[in-house]
Amino acid sequence: MKAAPLPGNEIERLAALSDAAILDTPPEPAFDDLTHLAASICGTPIALVSLIDRERQWFKARVGLDATETPREVAFCAHAILGQELFLVPDAYEDERFADNPLVTGAPNVRFYAGAPLATSDGHNLGTLCVIDHGPRKLDEAQRSALSALARQVAAQIDLRRANGRLVKLNGELVARAREAQAVIEQRKAIERLKDEFVSTVSHELRTPLTSIRGALGLLEGGVLGRLPDEAMELVQIARTNTDRLVRLINDILDLEKIEAGKLELSPKHVDARRLISSLVESLSPVAAEAKVELWADVRGEVELVVDEDRIAQVLTNLMSNALKFSPSEARVELGVEVTAAGRVRFDVRDRGPGIAEADLARLFNRFEQLDGEHRRKVGGTGLGLAISKAIVEQHGGTIGVTSKLGQGSTFWFEVPQCGAPREASPRFET
């Protein structure tokens, strides 16, 4: 007896067989019916769908045979899978490869064998559809053609199983990933809730005592206890300045929390732009005077719009304060207001500061974003003002932007509908 050599693609072939998940499965009509057809067409007492495993051949379907498997080393099918054509043994007694094979010399007394390889779509012969007889014989051309055709149908069934198996596996992976993603989302939501609660609690708890401290420092600076020595006055002013900065930071954090939670409510009303700008210029005049910067405003025509006045004032105050901070002494900050041809109200705040590099413009409205530069580090800031301004403008249905050139200053602008309804609050920020 001469055992069959291993195919050149044995590792890949076994992997494909495993991928089919067909070994040791119960009988199935699709395979049984094709096996009965093979036996009927070829006129043989035995027909098998034989799959060649690592050390055995296992029968997925069988006619005329009780055994479910045999050792691979004695399997005729192990020879049949080495080629692509129908493998024929007309008389095993006359074939030196099989004459002393125990399947020939004993049960089931194989004398004639014809096996058509079961080739998968990717070219792996997993086994055969074979017919067996107890005496020598031949198949005519029609029988050979039919056996090969039936083998292709068996292979198609196996390919279908492989495809279904891959889909089930993929679906399982997708479900697992979806569950993992959902768990991550829930975890992040929980963290966000804890963060929001923490920020809200801390901010409120800090704002009350800081407001009291700022009031007390203001009274000391105003002389409630009499004139302070110059050194003491300087310390009080430093403390008041830092307290003001902390209060602004806390207010920004609370605004940020409201925006992210979608709880920043607007109270739109009719607003006279000239009156709004006049009020803002007046409130910022002391800051401008201290910085030795001229503050100049130009409202072109009669401009009335429907907005939340306090929130638009917050945006303008932030833009104008930044312009004053970054302007050199004796420079001028210009605030312009006009109605565009599209019926939108445009606000421009122009400074003569150091300007901003083009590569940095896109980062300006990100939260906690502060650009590099000695002067920028010196004036400081929370890094939240522009992000909050952007959210307020967009909630009004508007847009905000900046144009700038290094050494020539910057112009921050925003446009809002003159009579537009505000959008729902959005918690999204650029990061």
Protein backbone atom coordinates (compact mmCIF):
# COMPACT_ATOMS: atom_id res chain seq x y z
CA MET A 1 0.00 0.00 0.00
CA LYS A 2 1.30 3.42 -0.91
CA ALA A 3 0.01 6.34 1.18
CA ALA A 4 -0.75 9.58 -0.63
CA PRO A 5 1.70 12.49 -0.25
CA LEU A 6 0.49 15.72 1.35
CA PRO A 7 -0.76 18.45 -0.98
CA GLY A 8 1.56 21.44 -1.40
CA ASN A 9 -1.01 23.74 0.24
CA GLU A 10 -1.83 21.37 3.12
CA ILE A 11 -1.67 24.02 5.86
CA GLU A 12 -3.98 26.39 3.97
CA ARG A 13 -6.22 23.48 2.97
CA LEU A 14 -6.69 22.37 6.57
CA ALA A 15 -7.37 25.97 7.59
CA ALA A 16 -10.09 26.20 4.93
CA LEU A 17 -11.59 22.92 6.15
CA SER A 18 -11.63 24.23 9.71
CA ASP A 19 -13.14 27.48 8.48
CA ALA A 20 -16.05 25.51 7.01
CA ALA A 21 -16.94 24.19 10.50
CA ILE A 22 -18.39 21.06 8.90
CA LEU A 23 -16.47 18.19 10.49
CA ASP A 24 -18.49 15.98 12.85
CA THR A 25 -21.75 17.79 12.08
CA PRO A 26 -25.08 15.91 11.74
CA PRO A 27 -26.40 14.76 8.34
CA GLU A 28 -27.95 17.42 6.13
CA PRO A 29 -30.38 16.90 3.24
CA ALA A 30 -28.38 19.11 0.85
CA PHE A 31 -25.39 16.76 1.08
CA ASP A 32 -27.39 13.54 1.40
CA ASP A 33 -29.43 14.26 -1.73
CA LEU A 34 -26.33 14.95 -3.85
CA THR A 35 -24.73 11.73 -2.59
CA HIS A 36 -27.83 9.66 -3.53
CA LEU A 37 -27.84 11.26 -6.98
CA ALA A 38 -24.19 10.31 -7.48
CA ALA A 39 -24.86 6.68 -6.55
CA SER A 40 -27.93 6.55 -8.80
CA ILE A 41 -26.29 8.15 -11.84
CA CYS A 42 -23.13 6.05 -11.58
CA GLY A 43 -24.98 2.86 -10.64
CA THR A 44 -22.78 2.09 -7.60
CA PRO A 45 -23.78 0.65 -4.22
CA ILE A 46 -21.65 3.16 -2.34
CA ALA A 47 -21.33 6.93 -2.63
CA LEU A 48 -19.68 9.29 -0.14
CA VAL A 49 -18.99 12.95 0.57
CA SER A 50 -15.54 12.47 2.06
CA LEU A 51 -13.58 15.25 3.81
CA ILE A 52 -9.85 14.77 4.38
CA ASP A 53 -8.83 15.90 7.85
CA ARG A 54 -5.32 15.89 9.28
CA GLU A 55 -5.29 12.16 10.13
CA ARG A 56 -8.65 10.82 8.93
CA GLN A 57 -11.21 10.96 6.21
CA TRP A 58 -14.67 11.76 7.58
CA PHE A 59 -17.91 11.19 5.73
CA LYS A 60 -20.36 14.09 5.75
CA ALA A 61 -22.86 12.02 3.70
CA ARG A 62 -22.83 8.33 2.81
CA VAL A 63 -24.84 5.76 0.87
CA GLY A 64 -24.23 2.02 1.31
CA LEU A 65 -21.64 2.38 4.09
CA ASP A 66 -22.04 2.27 7.87
CA ALA A 67 -18.60 3.63 8.83
CA THR A 68 -18.37 7.38 9.51
CA GLU A 69 -14.60 7.71 8.99
CA THR A 70 -11.39 5.82 8.19
CA PRO A 71 -7.69 6.58 8.69
CA ARG A 72 -6.32 9.05 6.14
CA GLU A 73 -3.37 6.80 5.28
CA VAL A 74 -5.71 4.20 3.67
CA ALA A 75 -8.06 6.71 2.02
CA PHE A 76 -8.43 6.65 -1.77
CA CYS A 77 -9.71 10.24 -1.42
CA ALA A 78 -6.33 11.34 -0.04
CA HIS A 79 -4.98 10.61 -3.52
CA ALA A 80 -7.94 12.20 -5.29
CA ILE A 81 -7.43 15.63 -3.66
CA LEU A 82 -3.93 15.93 -5.17
CA GLY A 83 -5.34 16.88 -8.58
CA GLN A 84 -8.19 18.82 -10.14
CA GLU A 85 -9.61 16.11 -12.38
CA LEU A 86 -11.75 13.08 -11.65
CA PHE A 87 -9.59 10.39 -9.97
CA LEU A 88 -10.36 6.89 -11.32
CA VAL A 89 -9.30 3.43 -10.11
CA PRO A 90 -11.02 0.92 -12.44
CA ASP A 91 -9.67 -2.16 -10.60
CA ALA A 92 -7.90 -1.78 -7.26
CA TYR A 93 -6.48 -5.33 -7.53
CA GLU A 94 -4.52 -4.25 -10.58
CA ASP A 95 -3.24 -0.98 -9.02
CA GLU A 96 -0.06 -1.32 -6.97
CA ARG A 97 -1.04 1.72 -4.86
CA PHE A 98 -4.14 -0.03 -3.54
CA ALA A 99 -3.85 -3.78 -4.09
CA ASP A 100 -2.94 -4.47 -0.45
CA ASN A 101 -5.02 -1.63 1.03
CA PRO A 102 -7.14 -2.95 3.95
CA LEU A 103 -10.19 -1.23 2.42
CA VAL A 104 -9.61 -3.45 -0.65
CA THR A 105 -8.62 -6.70 1.02
CA GLY A 106 -11.34 -6.31 3.68
CA ALA A 107 -14.61 -4.43 4.24
CA PRO A 108 -15.97 -2.54 2.41
CA ASN A 109 -14.11 -4.45 -0.36
CA VAL A 110 -13.34 -1.52 -2.64
CA ARG A 111 -12.61 -2.68 -6.19
CA PHE A 112 -13.70 0.33 -8.23
CA TYR A 113 -13.30 3.97 -7.14
CA ALA A 114 -14.09 7.32 -8.79
CA GLY A 115 -13.60 10.55 -6.82
CA ALA A 116 -14.24 14.16 -7.93
CA PRO A 117 -12.35 16.76 -5.82
CA LEU A 118 -14.40 19.22 -3.76
CA ALA A 119 -12.62 22.43 -4.74
CA THR A 120 -13.57 25.56 -2.78
CA SER A 121 -13.83 28.97 -4.42
CA ASP A 122 -10.29 29.78 -3.26
CA GLY A 123 -8.83 26.59 -4.73
CA HIS A 124 -8.54 24.19 -1.81
CA ASN A 125 -9.54 20.53 -2.29
CA LEU A 126 -11.22 19.66 1.00
CA GLY A 127 -12.28 16.14 -0.01
CA THR A 128 -14.25 14.33 -2.71
CA LEU A 129 -17.62 13.20 -3.86
CA CYS A 130 -16.81 9.58 -4.64
CA VAL A 131 -18.57 6.43 -5.82
CA ILE A 132 -17.41 2.89 -5.00
CA ASP A 133 -18.22 -0.58 -6.31
CA HIS A 134 -17.26 -4.09 -5.23
CA GLY A 135 -16.20 -5.15 -8.71
CA PRO A 136 -14.12 -3.62 -11.48
CA ARG A 137 -15.92 -1.27 -13.84
CA LYS A 138 -15.80 1.98 -15.81
CA LEU A 139 -17.88 5.16 -16.07
CA ASP A 140 -19.03 6.51 -19.38
CA GLU A 141 -18.51 10.13 -20.35
CA ALA A 142 -21.96 11.22 -19.17
CA GLN A 143 -21.45 9.62 -15.74
CA ARG A 144 -18.03 11.19 -15.32
CA SER A 145 -19.39 14.59 -16.29
CA ALA A 146 -22.36 14.22 -13.92
CA LEU A 147 -20.16 13.15 -11.00
CA SER A 148 -17.92 16.20 -11.49
CA ALA A 149 -20.96 18.49 -11.71
CA LEU A 150 -22.42 17.06 -8.50
CA ALA A 151 -19.03 17.54 -6.79
CA ARG A 152 -19.13 21.22 -7.73
CA GLN A 153 -22.55 21.48 -6.09
CA VAL A 154 -21.20 19.86 -2.90
CA ALA A 155 -18.27 22.31 -2.93
CA ALA A 156 -20.72 25.20 -3.36
CA GLN A 157 -22.60 24.03 -0.26
CA ILE A 158 -19.33 24.00 1.68
CA ASP A 159 -18.45 27.49 0.41
CA LEU A 160 -21.86 28.67 1.56
CA ARG A 161 -21.19 27.26 5.02
CA ARG A 162 -17.82 29.04 5.10
CA ALA A 163 -19.43 32.33 4.08
CA ASN A 164 -22.16 31.95 6.70
CA GLY A 165 -19.55 31.06 9.30
CA ARG A 166 -17.56 34.18 8.47
CA LEU A 167 -20.70 36.30 8.65
CA VAL A 168 -21.61 34.82 12.03
CA LYS A 169 -18.09 35.43 13.27
CA LEU A 170 -18.06 38.96 11.90
CA ASN A 171 -21.45 39.65 13.39
CA GLY A 172 -20.24 38.36 16.74
CA GLU A 173 -17.20 40.60 16.54
CA LEU A 174 -19.34 43.59 15.59
CA VAL A 175 -21.73 42.90 18.46
CA ALA A 176 -18.80 42.57 20.86
CA ARG A 177 -17.26 45.80 19.58
CA ALA A 178 -20.60 47.56 19.77
CA ARG A 179 -20.97 46.47 23.38
CA GLU A 180 -17.45 47.62 24.15
CA ALA A 181 -18.12 50.95 22.44
CA GLN A 182 -21.37 51.35 24.35
CA ALA A 183 -19.58 50.57 27.61
CA VAL A 184 -16.94 53.19 26.79
CA ILE A 185 -19.67 55.72 25.92
CA GLU A 186 -21.50 55.03 29.17
CA GLN A 187 -18.25 55.31 31.10
CA ARG A 188 -17.46 58.62 29.42
CA LYS A 189 -20.96 59.88 30.14
CA ALA A 190 -20.52 58.96 33.79
CA ILE A 191 -17.16 60.73 33.89
CA GLU A 192 -18.68 63.78 32.19
CA ARG A 193 -21.52 63.83 34.72
CA LEU A 194 -19.06 63.63 37.60
CA LYS A 195 -16.90 66.32 36.01
CA ASP A 196 -19.89 68.60 35.45
CA GLU A 197 -21.11 68.11 38.99
CA PHE A 198 -17.62 68.74 40.34
CA VAL A 199 -17.07 71.85 38.21
CA SER A 200 -20.48 73.24 39.07
CA THR A 201 -20.10 72.61 42.79
CA VAL A 202 -16.56 73.93 43.02
CA SER A 203 -17.31 76.95 40.85
CA HIS A 204 -20.34 77.96 42.91
CA GLU A 205 -18.57 77.31 46.17
CA LEU A 206 -15.63 79.42 45.06
CA ARG A 207 -17.54 82.28 43.49
CA THR A 208 -19.37 83.30 46.66
CA PRO A 209 -16.28 83.75 48.89
CA LEU A 210 -14.29 85.28 46.03
CA THR A 211 -17.02 87.85 45.45
CA SER A 212 -16.86 88.75 49.15
CA ILE A 213 -13.07 88.95 49.03
CA ARG A 214 -13.18 91.16 45.95
CA GLY A 215 -15.70 93.46 47.65
CA ALA A 216 -13.56 93.72 50.76
CA LEU A 217 -10.44 94.48 48.73
CA GLY A 218 -12.37 97.13 46.81
CA LEU A 219 -13.39 98.78 50.06
CA LEU A 220 -9.79 98.75 51.30
CA GLU A 221 -8.59 100.20 48.01
CA GLY A 222 -11.31 102.88 48.24
CA GLY A 223 -10.12 104.01 51.69
CA VAL A 224 -12.82 102.59 53.97
CA LEU A 225 -10.16 102.21 56.69
CA GLY A 226 -8.31 105.34 55.75
CA ARG A 227 -5.44 105.86 53.41
CA LEU A 228 -3.22 102.81 53.15
CA PRO A 229 0.55 102.98 52.95
CA ASP A 230 1.84 102.77 49.39
CA GLU A 231 3.22 99.24 49.86
CA ALA A 232 -0.04 98.02 51.40
CA MET A 233 -2.06 99.65 48.60
CA GLU A 234 0.10 97.90 46.02
CA LEU A 235 -0.52 94.53 47.69
CA VAL A 236 -4.28 95.21 47.87
CA GLN A 237 -4.36 96.11 44.16
CA ILE A 238 -2.46 92.96 43.24
CA ALA A 239 -4.85 90.87 45.34
CA ARG A 240 -7.89 92.58 43.76
CA THR A 241 -6.53 92.04 40.24
CA ASN A 242 -5.92 88.35 40.88
CA THR A 243 -9.32 88.00 42.54
CA ASP A 244 -10.98 89.59 39.51
CA ARG A 245 -9.13 87.13 37.28
CA LEU A 246 -10.32 84.16 39.38
CA VAL A 247 -13.91 85.40 39.27
CA ARG A 248 -13.70 85.72 35.48
CA LEU A 249 -12.28 82.21 35.26
CA ILE A 250 -15.08 80.78 37.39
CA ASN A 251 -17.71 82.62 35.37
CA ASP A 252 -16.18 81.25 32.16
CA ILE A 253 -16.18 77.72 33.57
CA LEU A 254 -19.84 78.04 34.55
CA ASP A 255 -20.72 79.32 31.08
CA LEU A 256 -18.74 76.46 29.56
CA GLU A 257 -20.65 73.98 31.71
CA LYS A 258 -24.00 75.43 30.59
CA ILE A 259 -23.02 75.35 26.92
CA GLU A 260 -21.75 71.75 27.06
CA ALA A 261 -24.91 70.67 28.87
CA GLY A 262 -27.10 72.52 26.34
CA LYS A 263 -28.50 74.69 29.14
CA LEU A 264 -27.36 78.11 27.97
CA GLU A 265 -30.71 79.83 27.49
CA LEU A 266 -31.10 82.99 25.45
CA SER A 267 -33.55 85.80 26.13
CA PRO A 268 -33.82 87.61 22.79
CA LYS A 269 -35.26 91.12 22.57
CA HIS A 270 -35.01 94.17 20.33
CA VAL A 271 -31.64 95.84 20.84
CA ASP A 272 -30.43 99.21 19.54
CA ALA A 273 -26.85 98.53 18.40
CA ARG A 274 -25.81 102.18 18.89
CA ARG A 275 -26.94 102.16 22.52
CA LEU A 276 -25.28 98.77 23.15
CA ILE A 277 -21.94 99.90 21.70
CA SER A 278 -22.05 103.23 23.56
CA SER A 279 -22.58 101.39 26.84
CA LEU A 280 -19.73 98.99 26.18
CA VAL A 281 -17.30 101.75 25.19
CA GLU A 282 -18.17 103.63 28.35
CA SER A 283 -17.62 100.58 30.57
CA LEU A 284 -14.26 99.78 28.94
CA SER A 285 -12.98 103.34 28.85
CA PRO A 286 -11.10 103.02 32.16
CA VAL A 287 -9.35 99.88 30.86
CA ALA A 288 -8.46 101.68 27.64
CA ALA A 289 -7.18 104.69 29.54
CA GLU A 290 -5.01 102.52 31.78
CA ALA A 291 -3.57 100.80 28.69
CA LYS A 292 -3.15 104.21 26.97
CA VAL A 293 -5.16 102.92 24.01
CA GLU A 294 -7.83 104.89 22.18
CA LEU A 295 -11.21 103.16 21.91
CA TRP A 296 -13.14 104.21 18.81
CA ALA A 297 -16.57 103.06 17.66
CA ASP A 298 -18.52 103.50 14.43
CA VAL A 299 -22.12 102.35 14.06
CA ARG A 300 -23.06 102.80 10.42
CA GLY A 301 -26.70 103.85 10.25
CA GLU A 302 -29.56 102.91 12.52
CA VAL A 303 -29.06 99.26 13.45
CA GLU A 304 -31.60 97.32 15.45
CA LEU A 305 -31.50 93.57 15.96
CA VAL A 306 -33.18 90.82 17.98
CA VAL A 307 -30.64 89.10 20.24
CA ASP A 308 -29.88 88.27 23.85
CA GLU A 309 -28.34 91.63 24.74
CA ASP A 310 -26.33 90.38 27.71
CA ARG A 311 -24.77 87.51 25.76
CA ILE A 312 -23.89 89.65 22.72
CA ALA A 313 -22.42 92.21 25.13
CA GLN A 314 -20.38 89.37 26.66
CA VAL A 315 -18.97 88.47 23.24
CA LEU A 316 -18.15 92.09 22.38
CA THR A 317 -16.59 92.70 25.80
CA ASN A 318 -14.36 89.67 25.34
CA LEU A 319 -13.25 90.72 21.85
CA MET A 320 -12.70 94.35 22.86
CA SER A 321 -10.85 93.41 26.07
CA ASN A 322 -8.53 91.14 24.08
CA ALA A 323 -7.91 93.94 21.57
CA LEU A 324 -7.01 96.34 24.38
CA LYS A 325 -4.68 93.79 25.97
CA PHE A 326 -2.72 93.18 22.81
CA SER A 327 -2.59 96.76 21.51
CA PRO A 328 0.58 98.82 21.96
CA SER A 329 0.48 102.13 23.81
CA GLU A 330 -0.98 105.07 21.84
CA ALA A 331 -2.66 102.67 19.37
CA ARG A 332 -6.35 102.61 18.55
CA VAL A 333 -8.94 99.81 18.86
CA GLU A 334 -11.79 100.21 16.40
CA LEU A 335 -15.27 98.77 16.79
CA GLY A 336 -17.50 98.81 13.74
CA VAL A 337 -21.14 97.78 13.28
CA GLU A 338 -23.08 97.56 10.00
CA VAL A 339 -25.88 95.71 8.28
CA THR A 340 -24.63 93.56 5.40
CA ALA A 341 -26.30 93.17 2.03
CA ALA A 342 -27.57 89.78 3.20
CA GLY A 343 -29.47 91.42 6.05
CA ARG A 344 -27.10 90.32 8.81
CA VAL A 345 -25.51 92.52 11.45
CA ARG A 346 -21.72 92.44 11.37
CA PHE A 347 -19.50 93.48 14.29
CA ASP A 348 -15.77 94.12 13.72
CA VAL A 349 -13.14 94.67 16.41
CA ARG A 350 -9.79 95.76 14.96
CA ASP A 351 -6.55 96.18 16.88
CA ARG A 352 -2.98 97.17 16.03
CA GLY A 353 -1.40 94.38 18.07
CA PRO A 354 1.30 91.85 17.16
CA GLY A 355 -1.03 89.87 14.88
CA ILE A 356 -1.47 86.12 14.63
CA ALA A 357 0.33 83.63 12.38
CA GLU A 358 -1.93 82.09 9.72
CA ALA A 359 -1.13 78.59 10.99
CA ASP A 360 -2.56 79.53 14.42
CA LEU A 361 -5.85 81.09 13.28
CA ALA A 362 -7.78 77.80 13.26
CA ARG A 363 -6.84 77.12 16.90
CA LEU A 364 -8.04 80.42 18.32
CA PHE A 365 -11.61 79.35 19.08
CA ASN A 366 -10.65 76.06 20.75
CA ARG A 367 -11.29 75.91 24.46
CA PHE A 368 -8.29 76.36 26.76
CA GLU A 369 -6.25 77.41 23.73
CA GLN A 370 -3.60 80.05 24.33
CA LEU A 371 -1.10 80.85 21.62
CA ASP A 372 2.62 81.10 22.24
CA GLY A 373 4.40 84.41 22.41
CA GLU A 374 5.97 86.46 25.16
CA HIS A 375 3.33 89.19 25.06
CA ARG A 376 0.49 86.68 25.00
CA ARG A 377 1.88 84.82 28.01
CA LYS A 378 2.31 88.11 29.82
CA VAL A 379 -1.29 89.25 29.44
CA GLY A 380 -2.55 85.78 30.33
CA GLY A 381 -6.18 84.64 30.10
CA THR A 382 -8.34 81.57 30.71
CA GLY A 383 -8.31 80.28 27.14
CA LEU A 384 -12.11 80.02 27.29
CA GLY A 385 -13.33 83.44 26.19
CA LEU A 386 -13.20 82.92 22.44
CA ALA A 387 -14.62 79.39 22.66
CA ILE A 388 -17.56 80.68 24.70
CA SER A 389 -18.00 83.62 22.32
CA LYS A 390 -18.13 81.23 19.37
CA ALA A 391 -20.79 79.10 21.07
CA ILE A 392 -22.92 82.19 21.90
CA VAL A 393 -22.71 83.55 18.35
CA GLU A 394 -23.53 80.18 16.80
CA GLN A 395 -26.48 79.75 19.14
CA HIS A 396 -27.79 83.02 17.69
CA GLY A 397 -27.50 81.45 14.24
CA GLY A 398 -24.37 83.47 13.46
CA THR A 399 -20.75 82.96 12.53
CA ILE A 400 -17.51 84.25 14.00
CA GLY A 401 -14.00 84.56 12.61
CA VAL A 402 -10.73 86.44 12.49
CA THR A 403 -8.35 87.90 9.93
CA SER A 404 -4.81 88.76 10.92
CA LYS A 405 -1.27 89.38 9.73
CA LEU A 406 1.84 89.29 11.85
CA GLY A 407 2.96 92.79 12.79
CA GLN A 408 -0.22 94.39 11.40
CA GLY A 409 -2.86 93.57 13.99
CA SER A 410 -6.03 91.50 13.93
CA THR A 411 -9.72 91.91 13.17
CA PHE A 412 -12.15 89.72 15.05
CA TRP A 413 -15.65 89.72 13.60
CA PHE A 414 -19.00 88.05 13.95
CA GLU A 415 -22.31 88.21 12.15
CA VAL A 416 -25.78 87.42 13.46
CA PRO A 417 -29.19 87.54 11.76
CA GLN A 418 -30.83 90.91 12.27
CA CYS A 419 -34.13 89.31 13.28
CA GLY A 420 -33.33 85.60 13.45
CA ALA A 421 -34.54 83.11 16.01
CA PRO A 422 -31.73 81.66 18.15
CA ARG A 423 -30.77 78.03 17.69
CA GLU A 424 -31.02 75.36 20.34
CA ALA A 425 -28.01 75.30 22.60
CA SER A 426 -25.25 73.04 21.33
CA PRO A 427 -22.73 71.40 23.68
CA ARG A 428 -20.11 70.97 20.98
CA PHE A 429 -16.76 72.69 21.14
CA GLU A 430 -13.77 72.58 18.84
CA THR A 431 -10.92 70.67 20.47
